[in-house]
Amino acid sequence: MNILYLLIGASLLAALVFLALFIWSVRTGQFEDTYTPSVRILFDDDEVNDDGVQQEQVPDNETKKD
C-alpha cells in the first residue's frame, strides 16, 4: 500500500513539471507561429553530396559560371 502513495506522489510531481514546462512554452511564444510549419514541406532543401557537404541549388533558368 505504501508504494501507491509513492507512485501517486511521483505522478503528481511529474504532472506539475509538465504543466510548468507547458506554461513556460506558451509564455515564450513557442505556439505563436501556426502558418510556417504547414508550408515548410513546400520549401526546397539544399542538396547534400556524398561527402556530406551542402551544395547550393541553382535554378533551372540560371547556369553556374566558372
PDB file of N, CA and C in Angstrom:
ATOM      1  N   MET A   1       0.823  -1.189   0.000  1.00  0.00           N
ATOM      2  CA  MET A   1       0.000   0.000   0.000  1.00  0.00           C
ATOM      3  C   MET A   1       0.873   1.261   0.000  1.00  0.00           C
ATOM      4  N   ASN A   2       2.022   1.174   0.638  1.00  0.00           N
ATOM      5  CA  ASN A   2       2.893   2.343   0.694  1.00  0.00           C
ATOM      6  C   ASN A   2       3.422   2.730  -0.681  1.00  0.00           C
ATOM      7  N   ILE A   3       3.586   1.735  -1.551  1.00  0.00           N
ATOM      8  CA  ILE A   3       4.086   2.029  -2.885  1.00  0.00           C
ATOM      9  C   ILE A   3       3.089   2.874  -3.672  1.00  0.00           C
ATOM     10  N   LEU A   4       1.799   2.709  -3.405  1.00  0.00           N
ATOM     11  CA  LEU A   4       0.791   3.520  -4.083  1.00  0.00           C
ATOM     12  C   LEU A   4       0.951   4.994  -3.731  1.00  0.00           C
ATOM     13  N   TYR A   5       1.233   5.295  -2.483  1.00  0.00           N
ATOM     14  CA  TYR A   5       1.441   6.685  -2.076  1.00  0.00           C
ATOM     15  C   TYR A   5       2.664   7.265  -2.781  1.00  0.00           C
ATOM     16  N   LEU A   6       3.696   6.471  -2.901  1.00  0.00           N
ATOM     17  CA  LEU A   6       4.894   6.913  -3.593  1.00  0.00           C
ATOM     18  C   LEU A   6       4.618   7.153  -5.074  1.00  0.00           C
ATOM     19  N   LEU A   7       3.897   6.249  -5.721  1.00  0.00           N
ATOM     20  CA  LEU A   7       3.592   6.393  -7.140  1.00  0.00           C
ATOM     21  C   LEU A   7       2.657   7.573  -7.398  1.00  0.00           C
ATOM     22  N   ILE A   8       1.682   7.783  -6.531  1.00  0.00           N
ATOM     23  CA  ILE A   8       0.784   8.932  -6.686  1.00  0.00           C
ATOM     24  C   ILE A   8       1.561  10.234  -6.534  1.00  0.00           C
ATOM     25  N   GLY A   9       2.434  10.282  -5.558  1.00  0.00           N
ATOM     26  CA  GLY A   9       3.257  11.475  -5.371  1.00  0.00           C
ATOM     27  C   GLY A   9       4.171  11.728  -6.556  1.00  0.00           C
ATOM     28  N   ALA A  10       4.793  10.674  -7.079  1.00  0.00           N
ATOM     29  CA  ALA A  10       5.681  10.812  -8.229  1.00  0.00           C
ATOM     30  C   ALA A  10       4.909  11.255  -9.467  1.00  0.00           C
ATOM     31  N   SER A  11       3.710  10.720  -9.661  1.00  0.00           N
ATOM     32  CA  SER A  11       2.918  11.115 -10.830  1.00  0.00           C
ATOM     33  C   SER A  11       2.427  12.553 -10.713  1.00  0.00           C
ATOM     34  N   LEU A  12       2.066  12.983  -9.518  1.00  0.00           N
ATOM     35  CA  LEU A  12       1.672  14.378  -9.330  1.00  0.00           C
ATOM     36  C   LEU A  12       2.857  15.318  -9.563  1.00  0.00           C
ATOM     37  N   LEU A  13       4.020  14.935  -9.114  1.00  0.00           N
ATOM     38  CA  LEU A  13       5.211  15.735  -9.342  1.00  0.00           C
ATOM     39  C   LEU A  13       5.521  15.833 -10.837  1.00  0.00           C
ATOM     40  N   ALA A  14       5.430  14.730 -11.538  1.00  0.00           N
ATOM     41  CA  ALA A  14       5.673  14.731 -12.983  1.00  0.00           C
ATOM     42  C   ALA A  14       4.642  15.587 -13.704  1.00  0.00           C
ATOM     43  N   ALA A  15       3.382  15.508 -13.287  1.00  0.00           N
ATOM     44  CA  ALA A  15       2.327  16.315 -13.901  1.00  0.00           C
ATOM     45  C   ALA A  15       2.586  17.798 -13.676  1.00  0.00           C
ATOM     46  N   LEU A  16       3.024  18.173 -12.495  1.00  0.00           N
ATOM     47  CA  LEU A  16       3.322  19.573 -12.219  1.00  0.00           C
ATOM     48  C   LEU A  16       4.510  20.071 -13.032  1.00  0.00           C
ATOM     49  N   VAL A  17       5.507  19.224 -13.217  1.00  0.00           N
ATOM     50  CA  VAL A  17       6.660  19.600 -14.036  1.00  0.00           C
ATOM     51  C   VAL A  17       6.223  19.822 -15.481  1.00  0.00           C
ATOM     52  N   PHE A  18       5.408  18.913 -16.034  1.00  0.00           N
ATOM     53  CA  PHE A  18       4.935  19.076 -17.402  1.00  0.00           C
ATOM     54  C   PHE A  18       4.039  20.296 -17.543  1.00  0.00           C
ATOM     55  N   LEU A  19       3.219  20.591 -16.547  1.00  0.00           N
ATOM     56  CA  LEU A  19       2.381  21.782 -16.572  1.00  0.00           C
ATOM     57  C   LEU A  19       3.242  23.043 -16.566  1.00  0.00           C
ATOM     58  N   ALA A  20       4.278  23.059 -15.745  1.00  0.00           N
ATOM     59  CA  ALA A  20       5.173  24.215 -15.692  1.00  0.00           C
ATOM     60  C   ALA A  20       5.892  24.398 -17.027  1.00  0.00           C
ATOM     61  N   LEU A  21       6.341  23.313 -17.636  1.00  0.00           N
ATOM     62  CA  LEU A  21       7.001  23.409 -18.940  1.00  0.00           C
ATOM     63  C   LEU A  21       6.042  23.895 -20.028  1.00  0.00           C
ATOM     64  N   PHE A  22       4.795  23.461 -19.971  1.00  0.00           N
ATOM     65  CA  PHE A  22       3.798  23.907 -20.941  1.00  0.00           C
ATOM     66  C   PHE A  22       3.525  25.401 -20.785  1.00  0.00           C
ATOM     67  N   ILE A  23       3.345  25.850 -19.556  1.00  0.00           N
ATOM     68  CA  ILE A  23       3.099  27.272 -19.311  1.00  0.00           C
ATOM     69  C   ILE A  23       4.298  28.101 -19.763  1.00  0.00           C
ATOM     70  N   TRP A  24       5.507  27.627 -19.483  1.00  0.00           N
ATOM     71  CA  TRP A  24       6.710  28.336 -19.931  1.00  0.00           C
ATOM     72  C   TRP A  24       6.754  28.438 -21.459  1.00  0.00           C
ATOM     73  N   SER A  25       6.424  27.345 -22.158  1.00  0.00           N
ATOM     74  CA  SER A  25       6.488  27.366 -23.616  1.00  0.00           C
ATOM     75  C   SER A  25       5.432  28.295 -24.212  1.00  0.00           C
ATOM     76  N   VAL A  26       4.271  28.388 -23.587  1.00  0.00           N
ATOM     77  CA  VAL A  26       3.244  29.304 -24.081  1.00  0.00           C
ATOM     78  C   VAL A  26       3.674  30.749 -23.857  1.00  0.00           C
ATOM     79  N   ARG A  27       4.243  31.039 -22.715  1.00  0.00           N
ATOM     80  CA  ARG A  27       4.664  32.410 -22.408  1.00  0.00           C
ATOM     81  C   ARG A  27       5.836  32.873 -23.261  1.00  0.00           C
ATOM     82  N   THR A  28       6.695  31.956 -23.691  1.00  0.00           N
ATOM     83  CA  THR A  28       7.843  32.351 -24.501  1.00  0.00           C
ATOM     84  C   THR A  28       7.531  32.349 -25.995  1.00  0.00           C
ATOM     85  N   GLY A  29       6.294  32.056 -26.371  1.00  0.00           N
ATOM     86  CA  GLY A  29       5.887  32.176 -27.767  1.00  0.00           C
ATOM     87  C   GLY A  29       6.150  30.971 -28.630  1.00  0.00           C
ATOM     88  N   GLN A  30       6.256  29.807 -28.074  1.00  0.00           N
ATOM     89  CA  GLN A  30       6.537  28.613 -28.867  1.00  0.00           C
ATOM     90  C   GLN A  30       5.385  28.231 -29.787  1.00  0.00           C
ATOM     91  N   PHE A  31       4.162  28.655 -29.473  1.00  0.00           N
ATOM     92  CA  PHE A  31       2.996  28.243 -30.248  1.00  0.00           C
ATOM     93  C   PHE A  31       2.394  29.394 -31.048  1.00  0.00           C
ATOM     94  N   GLU A  32       3.134  30.478 -31.248  1.00  0.00           N
ATOM     95  CA  GLU A  32       2.582  31.631 -31.949  1.00  0.00           C
ATOM     96  C   GLU A  32       2.593  31.482 -33.456  1.00  0.00           C
ATOM     97  N   ASP A  33       3.580  30.825 -34.029  1.00  0.00           N
ATOM     98  CA  ASP A  33       3.667  30.687 -35.475  1.00  0.00           C
ATOM     99  C   ASP A  33       2.959  29.409 -35.902  1.00  0.00           C
ATOM    100  N   THR A  34       1.738  29.556 -36.378  1.00  0.00           N
ATOM    101  CA  THR A  34       0.986  28.376 -36.805  1.00  0.00           C
ATOM    102  C   THR A  34       0.992  28.211 -38.322  1.00  0.00           C
ATOM    103  N   TYR A  35       1.507  29.220 -39.054  1.00  0.00           N
ATOM    104  CA  TYR A  35       1.485  29.147 -40.509  1.00  0.00           C
ATOM    105  C   TYR A  35       2.714  28.452 -41.093  1.00  0.00           C
ATOM    106  N   THR A  36       3.894  28.766 -40.588  1.00  0.00           N
ATOM    107  CA  THR A  36       5.139  28.253 -41.167  1.00  0.00           C
ATOM    108  C   THR A  36       5.233  26.723 -41.165  1.00  0.00           C
ATOM    109  N   PRO A  37       4.893  26.029 -40.088  1.00  0.00           N
ATOM    110  CA  PRO A  37       5.012  24.567 -40.138  1.00  0.00           C
ATOM    111  C   PRO A  37       4.151  23.922 -41.222  1.00  0.00           C
ATOM    112  N   SER A  38       3.028  24.538 -41.562  1.00  0.00           N
ATOM    113  CA  SER A  38       2.160  23.933 -42.576  1.00  0.00           C
ATOM    114  C   SER A  38       2.705  24.087 -43.986  1.00  0.00           C
ATOM    115  N   VAL A  39       3.560  25.088 -44.224  1.00  0.00           N
ATOM    116  CA  VAL A  39       4.111  25.279 -45.570  1.00  0.00           C
ATOM    117  C   VAL A  39       5.588  24.929 -45.649  1.00  0.00           C
ATOM    118  N   ARG A  40       6.199  24.516 -44.551  1.00  0.00           N
ATOM    119  CA  ARG A  40       7.616  24.186 -44.553  1.00  0.00           C
ATOM    120  C   ARG A  40       7.927  23.039 -45.513  1.00  0.00           C
ATOM    121  N   ILE A  41       6.986  22.123 -45.691  1.00  0.00           N
ATOM    122  CA  ILE A  41       7.209  20.988 -46.575  1.00  0.00           C
ATOM    123  C   ILE A  41       7.332  21.440 -48.026  1.00  0.00           C
ATOM    124  N   LEU A  42       6.817  22.618 -48.355  1.00  0.00           N
ATOM    125  CA  LEU A  42       6.858  23.102 -49.726  1.00  0.00           C
ATOM    126  C   LEU A  42       8.197  23.717 -50.097  1.00  0.00           C
ATOM    127  N   PHE A  43       9.026  24.070 -49.113  1.00  0.00           N
ATOM    128  CA  PHE A  43      10.319  24.685 -49.387  1.00  0.00           C
ATOM    129  C   PHE A  43      11.339  23.616 -49.752  1.00  0.00           C
ATOM    130  N   ASP A  44      12.207  23.939 -50.712  1.00  0.00           N
ATOM    131  CA  ASP A  44      13.253  23.006 -51.126  1.00  0.00           C
ATOM    132  C   ASP A  44      14.395  23.036 -50.124  1.00  0.00           C
ATOM    133  N   ASP A  45      14.956  21.883 -49.849  1.00  0.00           N
ATOM    134  CA  ASP A  45      16.136  21.782 -49.001  1.00  0.00           C
ATOM    135  C   ASP A  45      17.373  21.819 -49.880  1.00  0.00           C
ATOM    136  N   ASP A  46      18.499  22.205 -49.292  1.00  0.00           N
ATOM    137  CA  ASP A  46      19.754  22.148 -50.020  1.00  0.00           C
ATOM    138  C   ASP A  46      20.165  20.692 -50.192  1.00  0.00           C
ATOM    139  N   GLU A  47      20.744  20.389 -51.360  1.00  0.00           N
ATOM    140  CA  GLU A  47      21.188  19.027 -51.609  1.00  0.00           C
ATOM    141  C   GLU A  47      22.503  18.763 -50.892  1.00  0.00           C
ATOM    142  N   VAL A  48      22.702  17.521 -50.460  1.00  0.00           N
ATOM    143  CA  VAL A  48      23.932  17.124 -49.786  1.00  0.00           C
ATOM    144  C   VAL A  48      24.624  16.093 -50.669  1.00  0.00           C
ATOM    145  N   ASN A  49      25.928  16.322 -50.956  1.00  0.00           N
ATOM    146  CA  ASN A  49      26.662  15.378 -51.795  1.00  0.00           C
ATOM    147  C   ASN A  49      27.162  14.202 -50.956  1.00  0.00           C
ATOM    148  N   ASP A  50      27.933  13.309 -51.566  1.00  0.00           N
ATOM    149  CA  ASP A  50      28.387  12.101 -50.882  1.00  0.00           C
ATOM    150  C   ASP A  50      29.312  12.403 -49.701  1.00  0.00           C
ATOM    151  N   ASP A  51      30.011  13.550 -49.745  1.00  0.00           N
ATOM    152  CA  ASP A  51      30.922  13.907 -48.660  1.00  0.00           C
ATOM    153  C   ASP A  51      30.195  14.524 -47.473  1.00  0.00           C
ATOM    154  N   GLY A  52      28.887  14.748 -47.583  1.00  0.00           N
ATOM    155  CA  GLY A  52      28.128  15.353 -46.510  1.00  0.00           C
ATOM    156  C   GLY A  52      28.159  16.864 -46.533  1.00  0.00           C
ATOM    157  N   VAL A  53      28.614  17.456 -47.646  1.00  0.00           N
ATOM    158  CA  VAL A  53      28.707  18.907 -47.775  1.00  0.00           C
ATOM    159  C   VAL A  53      27.490  19.407 -48.539  1.00  0.00           C
ATOM    160  N   GLN A  54      26.857  20.470 -48.029  1.00  0.00           N
ATOM    161  CA  GLN A  54      25.693  21.010 -48.712  1.00  0.00           C
ATOM    162  C   GLN A  54      26.105  21.757 -49.965  1.00  0.00           C
ATOM    163  N   GLN A  55      25.318  21.591 -51.018  1.00  0.00           N
ATOM    164  CA  GLN A  55      25.560  22.286 -52.265  1.00  0.00           C
ATOM    165  C   GLN A  55      24.415  23.250 -52.505  1.00  0.00           C
ATOM    166  N   GLU A  56      24.726  24.364 -53.150  1.00  0.00           N
ATOM    167  CA  GLU A  56      23.679  25.315 -53.487  1.00  0.00           C
ATOM    168  C   GLU A  56      22.855  24.755 -54.627  1.00  0.00           C
ATOM    169  N   GLN A  57      21.553  25.027 -54.578  1.00  0.00           N
ATOM    170  CA  GLN A  57      20.721  24.648 -55.695  1.00  0.00           C
ATOM    171  C   GLN A  57      20.676  25.806 -56.669  1.00  0.00           C
ATOM    172  N   VAL A  58      20.894  25.503 -57.928  1.00  0.00           N
ATOM    173  CA  VAL A  58      20.863  26.520 -58.968  1.00  0.00           C
ATOM    174  C   VAL A  58      19.548  26.355 -59.717  1.00  0.00           C
ATOM    175  N   PRO A  59      18.779  27.438 -59.838  1.00  0.00           N
ATOM    176  CA  PRO A  59      17.525  27.325 -60.594  1.00  0.00           C
ATOM    177  C   PRO A  59      17.783  26.871 -62.017  1.00  0.00           C
ATOM    178  N   ASP A  60      16.776  26.243 -62.625  1.00  0.00           N
ATOM    179  CA  ASP A  60      16.934  25.697 -63.977  1.00  0.00           C
ATOM    180  C   ASP A  60      17.229  26.767 -65.019  1.00  0.00           C
ATOM    181  N   ASN A  61      16.759  27.980 -64.807  1.00  0.00           N
ATOM    182  CA  ASN A  61      16.945  29.013 -65.809  1.00  0.00           C
ATOM    183  C   ASN A  61      18.291  29.731 -65.673  1.00  0.00           C
ATOM    184  N   GLU A  62      19.059  29.406 -64.660  1.00  0.00           N
ATOM    185  CA  GLU A  62      20.384  30.009 -64.467  1.00  0.00           C
ATOM    186  C   GLU A  62      21.449  28.912 -64.614  1.00  0.00           C
ATOM    187  N   THR A  63      22.601  29.300 -65.115  1.00  0.00           N
ATOM    188  CA  THR A  63      23.707  28.355 -65.195  1.00  0.00           C
ATOM    189  C   THR A  63      24.835  28.866 -64.316  1.00  0.00           C
ATOM    190  N   LYS A  64      25.596  27.964 -63.768  1.00  0.00           N
ATOM    191  CA  LYS A  64      26.755  28.359 -62.945  1.00  0.00           C
ATOM    192  C   LYS A  64      27.875  28.804 -63.859  1.00  0.00           C
ATOM    193  N   LYS A  65      28.460  29.913 -63.510  1.00  0.00           N
ATOM    194  CA  LYS A  65      29.598  30.413 -64.285  1.00  0.00           C
ATOM    195  C   LYS A  65      30.862  30.064 -63.548  1.00  0.00           C
ATOM    196  N   ASP A  66      31.788  29.415 -64.231  1.00  0.00           N
ATOM    197  CA  ASP A  66      33.052  29.031 -63.591  1.00  0.00           C
ATOM    198  C   ASP A  66      34.063  30.119 -63.659  1.00  0.00           C
TER     199      ASP A  66
END
